Amino acid sequence: FVGLASVLAVCASSFFMSMVFPTNFGLTLATLDKDETEVGASLLVMSIIGGAVITPLMGVVSDNFSINIAYLIPSACLVVVALHAAQHWQGWFEDEEWKSSDNSSEHQRFSEIPAQRFGA
C-alpha cells in the first residue's frame, strides 16, 4: 500500500504543479509597469530552462548521495515559489502609485487578496 500511495502522491504533485507556471506568470506580470512587462515576460519564459537544469542536477545528487537527498533540490525550488505566493498573499507588491494609475483597473484582479475575491 505504501508504494501505491507514493506513486499517487508523485502523480498528484505533478498534476497540481501544472498550474504553478501560469499562475506565477500572471501574478508577476500584473505587478510590472507597461514598460517592464515585455522584459519581465521574456525573463519568465526563459526561466523555464530551470527545468532543464534542475532535473540533471537532481540526478547527479541522486547518483552521488541518495534519492532522498536529491529530492531536497526540487523542494527548495517549491519553497521559493511558496514564498513568492506568500508575498502576493500578504500584498507586498501593492504600490499606491500603481493603484492610482490607469493600469490599476486593468490588473486589479491580480493584486487583490484571494480571500477577499472569493468572499472568504
PDB file of N, CA and C in Angstrom:
ATOM      1  N   PHE A   1       0.806  -1.199   0.000  1.00  0.00           N
ATOM      2  CA  PHE A   1       0.000   0.000   0.000  1.00  0.00           C
ATOM      3  C   PHE A   1       0.853   1.268   0.000  1.00  0.00           C
ATOM      4  N   VAL A   2       1.995   1.227   0.690  1.00  0.00           N
ATOM      5  CA  VAL A   2       2.858   2.407   0.783  1.00  0.00           C
ATOM      6  C   VAL A   2       3.411   2.765  -0.592  1.00  0.00           C
ATOM      7  N   GLY A   3       3.795   1.781  -1.385  1.00  0.00           N
ATOM      8  CA  GLY A   3       4.316   2.041  -2.721  1.00  0.00           C
ATOM      9  C   GLY A   3       3.284   2.701  -3.616  1.00  0.00           C
ATOM     10  N   LEU A   4       2.047   2.219  -3.556  1.00  0.00           N
ATOM     11  CA  LEU A   4       0.973   2.800  -4.359  1.00  0.00           C
ATOM     12  C   LEU A   4       0.674   4.230  -3.914  1.00  0.00           C
ATOM     13  N   ALA A   5       0.667   4.467  -2.622  1.00  0.00           N
ATOM     14  CA  ALA A   5       0.417   5.817  -2.103  1.00  0.00           C
ATOM     15  C   ALA A   5       1.511   6.777  -2.555  1.00  0.00           C
ATOM     16  N   SER A   6       2.747   6.310  -2.578  1.00  0.00           N
ATOM     17  CA  SER A   6       3.858   7.149  -3.026  1.00  0.00           C
ATOM     18  C   SER A   6       3.720   7.518  -4.496  1.00  0.00           C
ATOM     19  N   VAL A   7       3.375   6.540  -5.307  1.00  0.00           N
ATOM     20  CA  VAL A   7       3.192   6.795  -6.744  1.00  0.00           C
ATOM     21  C   VAL A   7       2.051   7.778  -6.961  1.00  0.00           C
ATOM     22  N   LEU A   8       0.955   7.590  -6.261  1.00  0.00           N
ATOM     23  CA  LEU A   8      -0.178   8.505  -6.391  1.00  0.00           C
ATOM     24  C   LEU A   8       0.189   9.920  -5.921  1.00  0.00           C
ATOM     25  N   ALA A   9       0.973  10.028  -4.874  1.00  0.00           N
ATOM     26  CA  ALA A   9       1.392  11.340  -4.372  1.00  0.00           C
ATOM     27  C   ALA A   9       2.271  12.064  -5.387  1.00  0.00           C
ATOM     28  N   VAL A  10       3.201  11.344  -6.021  1.00  0.00           N
ATOM     29  CA  VAL A  10       4.059  11.964  -7.035  1.00  0.00           C
ATOM     30  C   VAL A  10       3.226  12.394  -8.238  1.00  0.00           C
ATOM     31  N   CYS A  11       2.294  11.554  -8.672  1.00  0.00           N
ATOM     32  CA  CYS A  11       1.424  11.920  -9.805  1.00  0.00           C
ATOM     33  C   CYS A  11       0.551  13.117  -9.459  1.00  0.00           C
ATOM     34  N   ALA A  12       0.017  13.148  -8.250  1.00  0.00           N
ATOM     35  CA  ALA A  12      -0.829  14.270  -7.836  1.00  0.00           C
ATOM     36  C   ALA A  12      -0.018  15.559  -7.755  1.00  0.00           C
ATOM     37  N   SER A  13       1.215  15.489  -7.261  1.00  0.00           N
ATOM     38  CA  SER A  13       2.029  16.705  -7.173  1.00  0.00           C
ATOM     39  C   SER A  13       2.357  17.231  -8.566  1.00  0.00           C
ATOM     40  N   SER A  14       2.612  16.354  -9.513  1.00  0.00           N
ATOM     41  CA  SER A  14       2.848  16.800 -10.888  1.00  0.00           C
ATOM     42  C   SER A  14       1.598  17.449 -11.469  1.00  0.00           C
ATOM     43  N   PHE A  15       0.442  16.878 -11.178  1.00  0.00           N
ATOM     44  CA  PHE A  15      -0.810  17.442 -11.671  1.00  0.00           C
ATOM     45  C   PHE A  15      -1.023  18.854 -11.132  1.00  0.00           C
ATOM     46  N   PHE A  16      -0.809  19.048  -9.831  1.00  0.00           N
ATOM     47  CA  PHE A  16      -1.052  20.356  -9.237  1.00  0.00           C
ATOM     48  C   PHE A  16       0.042  21.359  -9.585  1.00  0.00           C
ATOM     49  N   MET A  17       1.257  20.896  -9.853  1.00  0.00           N
ATOM     50  CA  MET A  17       2.323  21.819 -10.255  1.00  0.00           C
ATOM     51  C   MET A  17       2.092  22.364 -11.657  1.00  0.00           C
ATOM     52  N   SER A  18       1.251  21.725 -12.441  1.00  0.00           N
ATOM     53  CA  SER A  18       0.983  22.214 -13.789  1.00  0.00           C
ATOM     54  C   SER A  18       0.310  23.585 -13.762  1.00  0.00           C
ATOM     55  N   MET A  19      -0.285  23.946 -12.663  1.00  0.00           N
ATOM     56  CA  MET A  19      -0.956  25.244 -12.536  1.00  0.00           C
ATOM     57  C   MET A  19      -0.030  26.333 -12.010  1.00  0.00           C
ATOM     58  N   VAL A  20       1.162  25.974 -11.582  1.00  0.00           N
ATOM     59  CA  VAL A  20       2.054  26.936 -10.950  1.00  0.00           C
ATOM     60  C   VAL A  20       2.579  27.964 -11.944  1.00  0.00           C
ATOM     61  N   PHE A  21       3.051  27.540 -13.117  1.00  0.00           N
ATOM     62  CA  PHE A  21       3.662  28.492 -14.043  1.00  0.00           C
ATOM     63  C   PHE A  21       2.676  29.536 -14.541  1.00  0.00           C
ATOM     64  N   PRO A  22       1.486  29.158 -15.031  1.00  0.00           N
ATOM     65  CA  PRO A  22       0.579  30.207 -15.493  1.00  0.00           C
ATOM     66  C   PRO A  22       0.147  31.159 -14.380  1.00  0.00           C
ATOM     67  N   THR A  23       0.013  30.635 -13.169  1.00  0.00           N
ATOM     68  CA  THR A  23      -0.362  31.490 -12.046  1.00  0.00           C
ATOM     69  C   THR A  23       0.750  32.474 -11.728  1.00  0.00           C
ATOM     70  N   ASN A  24       1.979  31.969 -11.632  1.00  0.00           N
ATOM     71  CA  ASN A  24       3.124  32.858 -11.376  1.00  0.00           C
ATOM     72  C   ASN A  24       3.291  33.877 -12.487  1.00  0.00           C
ATOM     73  N   PHE A  25       3.091  33.461 -13.719  1.00  0.00           N
ATOM     74  CA  PHE A  25       3.246  34.350 -14.863  1.00  0.00           C
ATOM     75  C   PHE A  25       2.270  35.520 -14.745  1.00  0.00           C
ATOM     76  N   GLY A  26       1.019  35.223 -14.487  1.00  0.00           N
ATOM     77  CA  GLY A  26       0.013  36.272 -14.367  1.00  0.00           C
ATOM     78  C   GLY A  26       0.246  37.178 -13.175  1.00  0.00           C
ATOM     79  N   LEU A  27       0.553  36.590 -12.023  1.00  0.00           N
ATOM     80  CA  LEU A  27       0.783  37.394 -10.825  1.00  0.00           C
ATOM     81  C   LEU A  27       1.989  38.302 -10.978  1.00  0.00           C
ATOM     82  N   THR A  28       3.036  37.781 -11.575  1.00  0.00           N
ATOM     83  CA  THR A  28       4.255  38.579 -11.720  1.00  0.00           C
ATOM     84  C   THR A  28       4.062  39.703 -12.722  1.00  0.00           C
ATOM     85  N   LEU A  29       3.476  39.416 -13.849  1.00  0.00           N
ATOM     86  CA  LEU A  29       3.277  40.460 -14.853  1.00  0.00           C
ATOM     87  C   LEU A  29       2.305  41.532 -14.385  1.00  0.00           C
ATOM     88  N   ALA A  30       1.370  41.172 -13.530  1.00  0.00           N
ATOM     89  CA  ALA A  30       0.402  42.155 -13.036  1.00  0.00           C
ATOM     90  C   ALA A  30       1.057  43.220 -12.166  1.00  0.00           C
ATOM     91  N   THR A  31       2.222  42.917 -11.612  1.00  0.00           N
ATOM     92  CA  THR A  31       2.897  43.876 -10.740  1.00  0.00           C
ATOM     93  C   THR A  31       3.871  44.780 -11.500  1.00  0.00           C
ATOM     94  N   LEU A  32       4.041  44.543 -12.796  1.00  0.00           N
ATOM     95  CA  LEU A  32       5.000  45.325 -13.578  1.00  0.00           C
ATOM     96  C   LEU A  32       4.311  46.473 -14.310  1.00  0.00           C
ATOM     97  N   ASP A  33       5.078  47.533 -14.546  1.00  0.00           N
ATOM     98  CA  ASP A  33       4.586  48.637 -15.373  1.00  0.00           C
ATOM     99  C   ASP A  33       4.542  48.181 -16.823  1.00  0.00           C
ATOM    100  N   LYS A  34       3.842  48.945 -17.658  1.00  0.00           N
ATOM    101  CA  LYS A  34       3.749  48.582 -19.072  1.00  0.00           C
ATOM    102  C   LYS A  34       5.127  48.515 -19.723  1.00  0.00           C
ATOM    103  N   ASP A  35       6.041  49.407 -19.325  1.00  0.00           N
ATOM    104  CA  ASP A  35       7.386  49.415 -19.907  1.00  0.00           C
ATOM    105  C   ASP A  35       8.186  48.182 -19.512  1.00  0.00           C
ATOM    106  N   GLU A  36       7.905  47.627 -18.351  1.00  0.00           N
ATOM    107  CA  GLU A  36       8.660  46.477 -17.842  1.00  0.00           C
ATOM    108  C   GLU A  36       8.055  45.137 -18.235  1.00  0.00           C
ATOM    109  N   THR A  37       6.829  45.138 -18.716  1.00  0.00           N
ATOM    110  CA  THR A  37       6.108  43.891 -18.977  1.00  0.00           C
ATOM    111  C   THR A  37       6.792  43.037 -20.032  1.00  0.00           C
ATOM    112  N   GLU A  38       7.269  43.650 -21.091  1.00  0.00           N
ATOM    113  CA  GLU A  38       7.892  42.872 -22.178  1.00  0.00           C
ATOM    114  C   GLU A  38       9.152  42.161 -21.689  1.00  0.00           C
ATOM    115  N   VAL A  39       9.998  42.877 -20.971  1.00  0.00           N
ATOM    116  CA  VAL A  39      11.233  42.260 -20.450  1.00  0.00           C
ATOM    117  C   VAL A  39      10.884  41.226 -19.385  1.00  0.00           C
ATOM    118  N   GLY A  40       9.931  41.550 -18.515  1.00  0.00           N
ATOM    119  CA  GLY A  40       9.532  40.611 -17.472  1.00  0.00           C
ATOM    120  C   GLY A  40       8.982  39.320 -18.037  1.00  0.00           C
ATOM    121  N   ALA A  41       8.150  39.434 -19.078  1.00  0.00           N
ATOM    122  CA  ALA A  41       7.597  38.235 -19.709  1.00  0.00           C
ATOM    123  C   ALA A  41       8.701  37.399 -20.345  1.00  0.00           C
ATOM    124  N   SER A  42       9.661  38.070 -20.975  1.00  0.00           N
ATOM    125  CA  SER A  42      10.784  37.336 -21.590  1.00  0.00           C
ATOM    126  C   SER A  42      11.591  36.585 -20.540  1.00  0.00           C
ATOM    127  N   LEU A  43      11.861  37.238 -19.420  1.00  0.00           N
ATOM    128  CA  LEU A  43      12.627  36.578 -18.351  1.00  0.00           C
ATOM    129  C   LEU A  43      11.853  35.408 -17.757  1.00  0.00           C
ATOM    130  N   LEU A  44      10.556  35.569 -17.605  1.00  0.00           N
ATOM    131  CA  LEU A  44       9.754  34.463 -17.079  1.00  0.00           C
ATOM    132  C   LEU A  44       9.745  33.268 -18.029  1.00  0.00           C
ATOM    133  N   VAL A  45       9.649  33.531 -19.323  1.00  0.00           N
ATOM    134  CA  VAL A  45       9.681  32.439 -20.298  1.00  0.00           C
ATOM    135  C   VAL A  45      11.042  31.759 -20.273  1.00  0.00           C
ATOM    136  N   MET A  46      12.104  32.546 -20.144  1.00  0.00           N
ATOM    137  CA  MET A  46      13.447  31.950 -20.088  1.00  0.00           C
ATOM    138  C   MET A  46      13.669  31.174 -18.807  1.00  0.00           C
ATOM    139  N   SER A  47      12.904  31.464 -17.764  1.00  0.00           N
ATOM    140  CA  SER A  47      13.087  30.744 -16.501  1.00  0.00           C
ATOM    141  C   SER A  47      12.678  29.279 -16.616  1.00  0.00           C
ATOM    142  N   ILE A  48      11.989  28.927 -17.684  1.00  0.00           N
ATOM    143  CA  ILE A  48      11.605  27.530 -17.902  1.00  0.00           C
ATOM    144  C   ILE A  48      12.852  26.652 -18.021  1.00  0.00           C
ATOM    145  N   ILE A  49      13.971  27.247 -18.399  1.00  0.00           N
ATOM    146  CA  ILE A  49      15.228  26.488 -18.517  1.00  0.00           C
ATOM    147  C   ILE A  49      15.615  25.861 -17.182  1.00  0.00           C
ATOM    148  N   GLY A  50      15.056  26.385 -16.089  1.00  0.00           N
ATOM    149  CA  GLY A  50      15.318  25.791 -14.776  1.00  0.00           C
ATOM    150  C   GLY A  50      14.955  24.316 -14.738  1.00  0.00           C
ATOM    151  N   GLY A  51      13.909  23.935 -15.456  1.00  0.00           N
ATOM    152  CA  GLY A  51      13.529  22.530 -15.521  1.00  0.00           C
ATOM    153  C   GLY A  51      14.582  21.682 -16.211  1.00  0.00           C
ATOM    154  N   ALA A  52      15.308  22.300 -17.140  1.00  0.00           N
ATOM    155  CA  ALA A  52      16.366  21.574 -17.847  1.00  0.00           C
ATOM    156  C   ALA A  52      17.646  21.512 -17.024  1.00  0.00           C
ATOM    157  N   VAL A  53      17.780  22.368 -16.043  1.00  0.00           N
ATOM    158  CA  VAL A  53      18.981  22.385 -15.204  1.00  0.00           C
ATOM    159  C   VAL A  53      18.750  21.616 -13.911  1.00  0.00           C
ATOM    160  N   ILE A  54      17.597  21.807 -13.309  1.00  0.00           N
ATOM    161  CA  ILE A  54      17.308  21.185 -12.012  1.00  0.00           C
ATOM    162  C   ILE A  54      17.240  19.662 -12.114  1.00  0.00           C
ATOM    163  N   THR A  55      16.640  19.149 -13.173  1.00  0.00           N
ATOM    164  CA  THR A  55      16.491  17.697 -13.304  1.00  0.00           C
ATOM    165  C   THR A  55      17.834  16.976 -13.381  1.00  0.00           C
ATOM    166  N   PRO A  56      18.790  17.400 -14.251  1.00  0.00           N
ATOM    167  CA  PRO A  56      20.094  16.727 -14.243  1.00  0.00           C
ATOM    168  C   PRO A  56      20.859  16.922 -12.925  1.00  0.00           C
ATOM    169  N   LEU A  57      20.680  18.093 -12.319  1.00  0.00           N
ATOM    170  CA  LEU A  57      21.332  18.326 -11.027  1.00  0.00           C
ATOM    171  C   LEU A  57      20.800  17.356  -9.979  1.00  0.00           C
ATOM    172  N   MET A  58      19.509  17.137 -10.008  1.00  0.00           N
ATOM    173  CA  MET A  58      18.901  16.162  -9.101  1.00  0.00           C
ATOM    174  C   MET A  58      19.453  14.763  -9.370  1.00  0.00           C
ATOM    175  N   GLY A  59      19.655  14.414 -10.645  1.00  0.00           N
ATOM    176  CA  GLY A  59      20.236  13.115 -10.992  1.00  0.00           C
ATOM    177  C   GLY A  59      21.647  12.955 -10.472  1.00  0.00           C
ATOM    178  N   VAL A  60      22.457  14.007 -10.583  1.00  0.00           N
ATOM    179  CA  VAL A  60      23.842  13.954 -10.081  1.00  0.00           C
ATOM    180  C   VAL A  60      23.848  13.754  -8.573  1.00  0.00           C
ATOM    181  N   VAL A  61      23.018  14.497  -7.868  1.00  0.00           N
ATOM    182  CA  VAL A  61      22.946  14.358  -6.409  1.00  0.00           C
ATOM    183  C   VAL A  61      22.454  12.963  -6.044  1.00  0.00           C
ATOM    184  N   SER A  62      21.486  12.448  -6.791  1.00  0.00           N
ATOM    185  CA  SER A  62      20.965  11.108  -6.525  1.00  0.00           C
ATOM    186  C   SER A  62      22.036  10.041  -6.731  1.00  0.00           C
ATOM    187  N   ASP A  63      22.822  10.185  -7.798  1.00  0.00           N
ATOM    188  CA  ASP A  63      23.880   9.212  -8.070  1.00  0.00           C
ATOM    189  C   ASP A  63      24.980   9.246  -7.016  1.00  0.00           C
ATOM    190  N   ASN A  64      25.308  10.436  -6.544  1.00  0.00           N
ATOM    191  CA  ASN A  64      26.419  10.576  -5.605  1.00  0.00           C
ATOM    192  C   ASN A  64      26.024  10.421  -4.138  1.00  0.00           C
ATOM    193  N   PHE A  65      24.766  10.674  -3.823  1.00  0.00           N
ATOM    194  CA  PHE A  65      24.323  10.576  -2.433  1.00  0.00           C
ATOM    195  C   PHE A  65      23.142   9.612  -2.339  1.00  0.00           C
ATOM    196  N   SER A  66      21.950  10.128  -2.391  1.00  0.00           N
ATOM    197  CA  SER A  66      20.757   9.270  -2.370  1.00  0.00           C
ATOM    198  C   SER A  66      19.592  10.038  -2.980  1.00  0.00           C
ATOM    199  N   ILE A  67      18.566   9.311  -3.348  1.00  0.00           N
ATOM    200  CA  ILE A  67      17.381   9.946  -3.929  1.00  0.00           C
ATOM    201  C   ILE A  67      16.684  10.820  -2.896  1.00  0.00           C
ATOM    202  N   ASN A  68      16.778  10.420  -1.622  1.00  0.00           N
ATOM    203  CA  ASN A  68      16.161  11.230  -0.564  1.00  0.00           C
ATOM    204  C   ASN A  68      16.785  12.617  -0.503  1.00  0.00           C
ATOM    205  N   ILE A  69      18.090  12.682  -0.599  1.00  0.00           N
ATOM    206  CA  ILE A  69      18.782  13.978  -0.582  1.00  0.00           C
ATOM    207  C   ILE A  69      18.508  14.734  -1.881  1.00  0.00           C
ATOM    208  N   ALA A  70      18.412  14.016  -2.982  1.00  0.00           N
ATOM    209  CA  ALA A  70      18.152  14.657  -4.272  1.00  0.00           C
ATOM    210  C   ALA A  70      16.807  15.363  -4.285  1.00  0.00           C
ATOM    211  N   TYR A  71      15.837  14.839  -3.559  1.00  0.00           N
ATOM    212  CA  TYR A  71      14.521  15.484  -3.521  1.00  0.00           C
ATOM    213  C   TYR A  71      14.543  16.814  -2.771  1.00  0.00           C
ATOM    214  N   LEU A  72      15.623  17.128  -2.083  1.00  0.00           N
ATOM    215  CA  LEU A  72      15.739  18.436  -1.445  1.00  0.00           C
ATOM    216  C   LEU A  72      15.875  19.559  -2.476  1.00  0.00           C
ATOM    217  N   ILE A  73      16.394  19.232  -3.656  1.00  0.00           N
ATOM    218  CA  ILE A  73      16.582  20.255  -4.701  1.00  0.00           C
ATOM    219  C   ILE A  73      15.235  20.769  -5.210  1.00  0.00           C
ATOM    220  N   PRO A  74      14.322  19.924  -5.686  1.00  0.00           N
ATOM    221  CA  PRO A  74      13.027  20.481  -6.089  1.00  0.00           C
ATOM    222  C   PRO A  74      12.233  21.028  -4.903  1.00  0.00           C
ATOM    223  N   SER A  75      12.486  20.486  -3.718  1.00  0.00           N
ATOM    224  CA  SER A  75      11.807  21.031  -2.539  1.00  0.00           C
ATOM    225  C   SER A  75      12.210  22.482  -2.308  1.00  0.00           C
ATOM    226  N   ALA A  76      13.489  22.778  -2.487  1.00  0.00           N
ATOM    227  CA  ALA A  76      13.967  24.158  -2.336  1.00  0.00           C
ATOM    228  C   ALA A  76      13.322  25.063  -3.388  1.00  0.00           C
ATOM    229  N   CYS A  77      13.165  24.555  -4.605  1.00  0.00           N
ATOM    230  CA  CYS A  77      12.506  25.338  -5.664  1.00  0.00           C
ATOM    231  C   CYS A  77      11.057  25.629  -5.302  1.00  0.00           C
ATOM    232  N   LEU A  78      10.376  24.646  -4.747  1.00  0.00           N
ATOM    233  CA  LEU A  78       8.984  24.840  -4.356  1.00  0.00           C
ATOM    234  C   LEU A  78       8.861  25.809  -3.183  1.00  0.00           C
ATOM    235  N   VAL A  79       9.867  25.854  -2.318  1.00  0.00           N
ATOM    236  CA  VAL A  79       9.867  26.829  -1.223  1.00  0.00           C
ATOM    237  C   VAL A  79       9.942  28.244  -1.795  1.00  0.00           C
ATOM    238  N   VAL A  80      10.767  28.437  -2.824  1.00  0.00           N
ATOM    239  CA  VAL A  80      10.862  29.751  -3.462  1.00  0.00           C
ATOM    240  C   VAL A  80       9.522  30.151  -4.074  1.00  0.00           C
ATOM    241  N   VAL A  81       8.857  29.217  -4.731  1.00  0.00           N
ATOM    242  CA  VAL A  81       7.545  29.503  -5.311  1.00  0.00           C
ATOM    243  C   VAL A  81       6.540  29.817  -4.202  1.00  0.00           C
ATOM    244  N   ALA A  82       6.592  29.094  -3.109  1.00  0.00           N
ATOM    245  CA  ALA A  82       5.681  29.345  -1.990  1.00  0.00           C
ATOM    246  C   ALA A  82       5.928  30.721  -1.376  1.00  0.00           C
ATOM    247  N   LEU A  83       7.185  31.129  -1.281  1.00  0.00           N
ATOM    248  CA  LEU A  83       7.498  32.464  -0.769  1.00  0.00           C
ATOM    249  C   LEU A  83       6.953  33.543  -1.697  1.00  0.00           C
ATOM    250  N   HIS A  84       7.065  33.319  -2.995  1.00  0.00           N
ATOM    251  CA  HIS A  84       6.523  34.267  -3.966  1.00  0.00           C
ATOM    252  C   HIS A  84       5.003  34.387  -3.795  1.00  0.00           C
ATOM    253  N   ALA A  85       4.332  33.266  -3.628  1.00  0.00           N
ATOM    254  CA  ALA A  85       2.882  33.281  -3.425  1.00  0.00           C
ATOM    255  C   ALA A  85       2.525  33.974  -2.113  1.00  0.00           C
ATOM    256  N   ALA A  86       3.310  33.726  -1.067  1.00  0.00           N
ATOM    257  CA  ALA A  86       3.045  34.357   0.230  1.00  0.00           C
ATOM    258  C   ALA A  86       3.210  35.872   0.145  1.00  0.00           C
ATOM    259  N   GLN A  87       4.171  36.324  -0.638  1.00  0.00           N
ATOM    260  CA  GLN A  87       4.356  37.763  -0.810  1.00  0.00           C
ATOM    261  C   GLN A  87       3.141  38.386  -1.484  1.00  0.00           C
ATOM    262  N   HIS A  88       2.594  37.728  -2.479  1.00  0.00           N
ATOM    263  CA  HIS A  88       1.381  38.231  -3.116  1.00  0.00           C
ATOM    264  C   HIS A  88       0.198  38.181  -2.157  1.00  0.00           C
ATOM    265  N   TRP A  89       0.107  37.118  -1.400  1.00  0.00           N
ATOM    266  CA  TRP A  89      -0.998  36.955  -0.456  1.00  0.00           C
ATOM    267  C   TRP A  89      -0.988  38.077   0.574  1.00  0.00           C
ATOM    268  N   GLN A  90       0.199  38.441   1.039  1.00  0.00           N
ATOM    269  CA  GLN A  90       0.332  39.495   2.045  1.00  0.00           C
ATOM    270  C   GLN A  90       0.240  40.894   1.444  1.00  0.00           C
ATOM    271  N   GLY A  91       0.224  40.998   0.122  1.00  0.00           N
ATOM    272  CA  GLY A  91       0.105  42.297  -0.529  1.00  0.00           C
ATOM    273  C   GLY A  91       1.406  43.068  -0.610  1.00  0.00           C
ATOM    274  N   TRP A  92       2.552  42.377  -0.606  1.00  0.00           N
ATOM    275  CA  TRP A  92       3.852  43.057  -0.641  1.00  0.00           C
ATOM    276  C   TRP A  92       4.079  43.802  -1.939  1.00  0.00           C
ATOM    277  N   PHE A  93       3.389  43.410  -3.015  1.00  0.00           N
ATOM    278  CA  PHE A  93       3.643  44.017  -4.312  1.00  0.00           C
ATOM    279  C   PHE A  93       2.662  45.133  -4.644  1.00  0.00           C
ATOM    280  N   GLU A  94       1.806  45.477  -3.705  1.00  0.00           N
ATOM    281  CA  GLU A  94       0.856  46.544  -3.960  1.00  0.00           C
ATOM    282  C   GLU A  94       1.568  47.891  -3.877  1.00  0.00           C
ATOM    283  N   ASP A  95       1.360  48.707  -4.848  1.00  0.00           N
ATOM    284  CA  ASP A  95       2.001  50.008  -4.951  1.00  0.00           C
ATOM    285  C   ASP A  95       0.908  51.063  -5.059  1.00  0.00           C
ATOM    286  N   GLU A  96       0.902  52.021  -4.144  1.00  0.00           N
ATOM    287  CA  GLU A  96      -0.154  53.031  -4.128  1.00  0.00           C
ATOM    288  C   GLU A  96      -0.171  53.845  -5.416  1.00  0.00           C
ATOM    289  N   GLU A  97       1.013  54.188  -5.938  1.00  0.00           N
ATOM    290  CA  GLU A  97       1.076  54.958  -7.179  1.00  0.00           C
ATOM    291  C   GLU A  97       0.507  54.148  -8.341  1.00  0.00           C
ATOM    292  N   TRP A  98       0.824  52.846  -8.358  1.00  0.00           N
ATOM    293  CA  TRP A  98       0.327  51.972  -9.421  1.00  0.00           C
ATOM    294  C   TRP A  98      -1.180  51.820  -9.340  1.00  0.00           C
ATOM    295  N   LYS A  99      -1.705  51.733  -8.105  1.00  0.00           N
ATOM    296  CA  LYS A  99      -3.139  51.580  -7.922  1.00  0.00           C
ATOM    297  C   LYS A  99      -3.903  52.790  -8.450  1.00  0.00           C
ATOM    298  N   SER A 100      -3.303  53.976  -8.330  1.00  0.00           N
ATOM    299  CA  SER A 100      -3.995  55.183  -8.753  1.00  0.00           C
ATOM    300  C   SER A 100      -3.829  55.458 -10.245  1.00  0.00           C
ATOM    301  N   SER A 101      -3.003  54.669 -10.930  1.00  0.00           N
ATOM    302  CA  SER A 101      -2.783  54.884 -12.357  1.00  0.00           C
ATOM    303  C   SER A 101      -3.887  54.235 -13.175  1.00  0.00           C
ATOM    304  N   ASP A 102      -3.840  54.439 -14.473  1.00  0.00           N
ATOM    305  CA  ASP A 102      -4.833  53.864 -15.375  1.00  0.00           C
ATOM    306  C   ASP A 102      -4.732  52.345 -15.453  1.00  0.00           C
ATOM    307  N   ASN A 103      -3.570  51.791 -15.115  1.00  0.00           N
ATOM    308  CA  ASN A 103      -3.370  50.337 -15.198  1.00  0.00           C
ATOM    309  C   ASN A 103      -4.077  49.594 -14.077  1.00  0.00           C
ATOM    310  N   SER A 104      -4.461  50.284 -13.013  1.00  0.00           N
ATOM    311  CA  SER A 104      -4.967  49.590 -11.832  1.00  0.00           C
ATOM    312  C   SER A 104      -6.245  48.810 -12.115  1.00  0.00           C
ATOM    313  N   SER A 105      -7.171  49.391 -12.864  1.00  0.00           N
ATOM    314  CA  SER A 105      -8.413  48.663 -13.115  1.00  0.00           C
ATOM    315  C   SER A 105      -8.188  47.461 -14.028  1.00  0.00           C
ATOM    316  N   GLU A 106      -7.225  47.594 -14.953  1.00  0.00           N
ATOM    317  CA  GLU A 106      -6.929  46.504 -15.881  1.00  0.00           C
ATOM    318  C   GLU A 106      -6.367  45.285 -15.160  1.00  0.00           C
ATOM    319  N   HIS A 107      -5.545  45.518 -14.153  1.00  0.00           N
ATOM    320  CA  HIS A 107      -4.866  44.417 -13.464  1.00  0.00           C
ATOM    321  C   HIS A 107      -5.337  44.235 -12.023  1.00  0.00           C
ATOM    322  N   GLN A 108      -6.429  44.845 -11.657  1.00  0.00           N
ATOM    323  CA  GLN A 108      -6.864  44.810 -10.273  1.00  0.00           C
ATOM    324  C   GLN A 108      -7.110  43.390  -9.779  1.00  0.00           C
ATOM    325  N   ARG A 109      -7.626  42.526 -10.625  1.00  0.00           N
ATOM    326  CA  ARG A 109      -7.945  41.171 -10.177  1.00  0.00           C
ATOM    327  C   ARG A 109      -6.711  40.396  -9.743  1.00  0.00           C
ATOM    328  N   PHE A 110      -5.515  40.770 -10.228  1.00  0.00           N
ATOM    329  CA  PHE A 110      -4.305  40.056  -9.831  1.00  0.00           C
ATOM    330  C   PHE A 110      -3.750  40.562  -8.510  1.00  0.00           C
ATOM    331  N   SER A 111      -4.061  41.782  -8.128  1.00  0.00           N
ATOM    332  CA  SER A 111      -3.474  42.346  -6.926  1.00  0.00           C
ATOM    333  C   SER A 111      -4.368  42.166  -5.692  1.00  0.00           C
ATOM    334  N   GLU A 112      -5.606  41.721  -5.890  1.00  0.00           N
ATOM    335  CA  GLU A 112      -6.490  41.519  -4.753  1.00  0.00           C
ATOM    336  C   GLU A 112      -6.071  40.263  -3.993  1.00  0.00           C
ATOM    337  N   ILE A 113      -6.301  40.298  -2.706  1.00  0.00           N
ATOM    338  CA  ILE A 113      -6.044  39.111  -1.893  1.00  0.00           C
ATOM    339  C   ILE A 113      -7.123  38.082  -2.222  1.00  0.00           C
ATOM    340  N   PRO A 114      -6.731  36.844  -2.569  1.00  0.00           N
ATOM    341  CA  PRO A 114      -7.721  35.841  -2.986  1.00  0.00           C
ATOM    342  C   PRO A 114      -8.856  35.644  -1.982  1.00  0.00           C
ATOM    343  N   ALA A 115      -8.587  35.751  -0.706  1.00  0.00           N
ATOM    344  CA  ALA A 115      -9.661  35.556   0.294  1.00  0.00           C
ATOM    345  C   ALA A 115     -10.738  36.617   0.114  1.00  0.00           C
ATOM    346  N   GLN A 116     -10.347  37.830  -0.225  1.00  0.00           N
ATOM    347  CA  GLN A 116     -11.336  38.884  -0.443  1.00  0.00           C
ATOM    348  C   GLN A 116     -12.096  38.639  -1.745  1.00  0.00           C
ATOM    349  N   ARG A 117     -11.387  38.144  -2.752  1.00  0.00           N
ATOM    350  CA  ARG A 117     -12.021  37.893  -4.042  1.00  0.00           C
ATOM    351  C   ARG A 117     -13.116  36.848  -3.946  1.00  0.00           C
ATOM    352  N   PHE A 118     -12.880  35.814  -3.172  1.00  0.00           N
ATOM    353  CA  PHE A 118     -13.829  34.714  -3.105  1.00  0.00           C
ATOM    354  C   PHE A 118     -14.742  34.806  -1.897  1.00  0.00           C
ATOM    355  N   GLY A 119     -14.732  35.929  -1.213  1.00  0.00           N
ATOM    356  CA  GLY A 119     -15.664  36.162  -0.115  1.00  0.00           C
ATOM    357  C   GLY A 119     -15.406  35.340   1.123  1.00  0.00           C
ATOM    358  N   ALA A 120     -14.173  34.870   1.307  1.00  0.00           N
ATOM    359  CA  ALA A 120     -13.858  34.064   2.491  1.00  0.00           C
ATOM    360  C   ALA A 120     -13.518  34.951   3.672  1.00  0.00           C
TER     361      ALA A 120
END
